Amino acid sequence: MRRKLLDILCCPVCKGDLGLSVGEENEHEILEGVLACKKCGVDYPIHEGIPNLLPKNLNL
């Protein structure tokens, strides 16, 4: 996930702003980490550069 996407992403549950916690990144993108909603507190993992923005009750 590229850092500039954080400017346009929002929480799919409440539309709140997302904070970023980086676990691993390279010069181009964030490879591992967590996006966390500042409003409702839901966490969304980033794995292999792909953010999973599905609410937990919809994750398969």
N, C-alpha and C. Protein backbone atom coordinates (compact mmCIF):
# COMPACT_ATOMS: atom_id res chain seq x y z
N MET A 1 0.85 -1.17 0.00
CA MET A 1 0.00 0.00 0.00
C MET A 1 0.90 1.23 0.00
N ARG A 2 0.62 2.13 -0.85
CA ARG A 2 1.40 3.38 -0.89
C ARG A 2 0.88 4.36 0.16
N ARG A 3 1.79 5.09 0.77
CA ARG A 3 1.42 6.04 1.84
C ARG A 3 0.40 7.07 1.38
N LYS A 4 0.48 7.50 0.14
CA LYS A 4 -0.44 8.54 -0.34
C LYS A 4 -1.90 8.08 -0.34
N LEU A 5 -2.13 6.77 -0.33
CA LEU A 5 -3.51 6.26 -0.27
C LEU A 5 -4.18 6.59 1.07
N LEU A 6 -3.38 6.78 2.10
CA LEU A 6 -3.94 7.10 3.42
C LEU A 6 -4.77 8.39 3.37
N ASP A 7 -4.43 9.29 2.47
CA ASP A 7 -5.17 10.55 2.33
C ASP A 7 -6.59 10.35 1.80
N ILE A 8 -6.82 9.26 1.07
CA ILE A 8 -8.15 9.07 0.47
C ILE A 8 -8.94 7.92 1.10
N LEU A 9 -8.28 7.10 1.92
CA LEU A 9 -8.99 5.99 2.57
C LEU A 9 -9.72 6.46 3.81
N CYS A 10 -10.84 5.81 4.10
CA CYS A 10 -11.55 6.07 5.35
C CYS A 10 -12.10 4.74 5.86
N CYS A 11 -12.52 4.73 7.08
CA CYS A 11 -13.09 3.53 7.70
C CYS A 11 -14.39 3.16 6.98
N PRO A 12 -14.51 1.92 6.51
CA PRO A 12 -15.74 1.52 5.84
C PRO A 12 -16.93 1.36 6.79
N VAL A 13 -16.67 1.30 8.09
CA VAL A 13 -17.74 1.14 9.07
C VAL A 13 -18.37 2.49 9.41
N CYS A 14 -17.52 3.48 9.77
CA CYS A 14 -18.06 4.76 10.25
C CYS A 14 -17.60 5.97 9.43
N LYS A 15 -16.76 5.74 8.43
CA LYS A 15 -16.21 6.80 7.56
C LYS A 15 -15.22 7.71 8.28
N GLY A 16 -14.69 7.25 9.42
CA GLY A 16 -13.70 8.01 10.17
C GLY A 16 -12.32 7.95 9.53
N ASP A 17 -11.42 8.82 9.99
CA ASP A 17 -10.03 8.84 9.51
C ASP A 17 -9.28 7.62 10.02
N LEU A 18 -8.32 7.15 9.23
CA LEU A 18 -7.52 6.00 9.60
C LEU A 18 -6.12 6.42 9.99
N GLY A 19 -5.62 5.83 11.07
CA GLY A 19 -4.24 6.00 11.48
C GLY A 19 -3.43 4.81 10.97
N LEU A 20 -2.14 4.97 10.86
CA LEU A 20 -1.28 3.94 10.29
C LEU A 20 -0.21 3.52 11.27
N SER A 21 -0.05 2.22 11.44
CA SER A 21 1.05 1.64 12.21
C SER A 21 1.81 0.72 11.26
N VAL A 22 3.07 1.05 10.98
CA VAL A 22 3.85 0.32 9.99
C VAL A 22 4.68 -0.76 10.67
N GLY A 23 4.59 -1.98 10.13
CA GLY A 23 5.41 -3.08 10.60
C GLY A 23 6.62 -3.27 9.71
N GLU A 24 6.41 -3.17 8.39
CA GLU A 24 7.49 -3.34 7.41
C GLU A 24 7.15 -2.51 6.17
N GLU A 25 8.16 -1.85 5.64
CA GLU A 25 7.96 -1.10 4.40
C GLU A 25 9.26 -1.08 3.61
N ASN A 26 9.14 -0.80 2.33
CA ASN A 26 10.32 -0.59 1.49
C ASN A 26 10.25 0.83 0.96
N GLU A 27 11.08 1.16 -0.01
CA GLU A 27 11.11 2.54 -0.50
C GLU A 27 9.86 2.93 -1.28
N HIS A 28 9.03 1.96 -1.65
CA HIS A 28 7.85 2.26 -2.46
C HIS A 28 6.52 2.14 -1.72
N GLU A 29 6.43 1.18 -0.78
CA GLU A 29 5.14 0.94 -0.18
C GLU A 29 5.25 0.29 1.20
N ILE A 30 4.13 0.30 1.90
CA ILE A 30 4.00 -0.36 3.20
C ILE A 30 3.62 -1.80 2.92
N LEU A 31 4.43 -2.73 3.42
CA LEU A 31 4.20 -4.14 3.16
C LEU A 31 3.37 -4.81 4.25
N GLU A 32 3.64 -4.46 5.49
CA GLU A 32 2.93 -5.04 6.63
C GLU A 32 2.59 -3.91 7.61
N GLY A 33 1.43 -3.99 8.23
CA GLY A 33 1.05 -2.97 9.19
C GLY A 33 -0.43 -3.05 9.51
N VAL A 34 -0.91 -1.98 10.12
CA VAL A 34 -2.32 -1.92 10.53
C VAL A 34 -2.85 -0.51 10.28
N LEU A 35 -4.03 -0.44 9.70
CA LEU A 35 -4.79 0.81 9.62
C LEU A 35 -5.81 0.75 10.75
N ALA A 36 -5.89 1.79 11.56
CA ALA A 36 -6.81 1.80 12.69
C ALA A 36 -7.70 3.03 12.60
N CYS A 37 -9.00 2.82 12.75
CA CYS A 37 -9.94 3.93 12.72
C CYS A 37 -9.79 4.75 13.99
N LYS A 38 -9.62 6.05 13.82
CA LYS A 38 -9.48 6.96 14.97
C LYS A 38 -10.82 7.22 15.65
N LYS A 39 -11.92 6.93 14.96
CA LYS A 39 -13.25 7.21 15.50
C LYS A 39 -13.87 6.00 16.20
N CYS A 40 -13.93 4.85 15.52
CA CYS A 40 -14.60 3.69 16.11
C CYS A 40 -13.64 2.61 16.61
N GLY A 41 -12.35 2.76 16.30
CA GLY A 41 -11.35 1.85 16.84
C GLY A 41 -11.18 0.52 16.12
N VAL A 42 -11.81 0.32 14.97
CA VAL A 42 -11.67 -0.93 14.24
C VAL A 42 -10.30 -0.96 13.55
N ASP A 43 -9.62 -2.11 13.61
CA ASP A 43 -8.32 -2.28 12.97
C ASP A 43 -8.45 -3.03 11.65
N TYR A 44 -7.65 -2.64 10.67
CA TYR A 44 -7.62 -3.28 9.37
C TYR A 44 -6.17 -3.62 9.04
N PRO A 45 -5.86 -4.91 8.87
CA PRO A 45 -4.47 -5.29 8.62
C PRO A 45 -4.02 -4.98 7.20
N ILE A 46 -2.72 -4.75 7.07
CA ILE A 46 -2.07 -4.64 5.76
C ILE A 46 -1.13 -5.83 5.68
N HIS A 47 -1.31 -6.68 4.67
CA HIS A 47 -0.49 -7.87 4.52
C HIS A 47 -0.01 -7.96 3.08
N GLU A 48 1.30 -8.09 2.92
CA GLU A 48 1.93 -8.13 1.59
C GLU A 48 1.52 -6.94 0.74
N GLY A 49 1.39 -5.78 1.38
CA GLY A 49 1.09 -4.53 0.66
C GLY A 49 -0.37 -4.29 0.37
N ILE A 50 -1.24 -5.19 0.82
CA ILE A 50 -2.67 -5.07 0.52
C ILE A 50 -3.46 -4.82 1.79
N PRO A 51 -4.14 -3.67 1.89
CA PRO A 51 -4.98 -3.43 3.08
C PRO A 51 -6.29 -4.22 2.97
N ASN A 52 -6.68 -4.87 4.05
CA ASN A 52 -7.95 -5.60 4.10
C ASN A 52 -8.95 -4.70 4.82
N LEU A 53 -9.80 -4.03 4.05
CA LEU A 53 -10.74 -3.07 4.62
C LEU A 53 -12.14 -3.65 4.81
N LEU A 54 -12.24 -4.96 4.80
CA LEU A 54 -13.53 -5.57 5.09
C LEU A 54 -13.76 -5.57 6.59
N PRO A 55 -14.94 -5.19 7.05
CA PRO A 55 -15.23 -5.30 8.48
C PRO A 55 -15.08 -6.74 8.92
N LYS A 56 -14.68 -6.95 10.19
CA LYS A 56 -14.38 -8.29 10.70
C LYS A 56 -15.54 -9.26 10.51
N ASN A 57 -16.76 -8.81 10.63
CA ASN A 57 -17.88 -9.73 10.48
C ASN A 57 -18.10 -10.16 9.03
N LEU A 58 -17.40 -9.52 8.07
CA LEU A 58 -17.50 -9.91 6.67
C LEU A 58 -16.27 -10.65 6.16
N ASN A 59 -15.18 -10.67 6.96
CA ASN A 59 -13.97 -11.38 6.55
C ASN A 59 -14.25 -12.87 6.41
N LEU A 60 -13.74 -13.44 5.34
CA LEU A 60 -13.95 -14.87 5.09
C LEU A 60 -12.70 -15.64 5.43
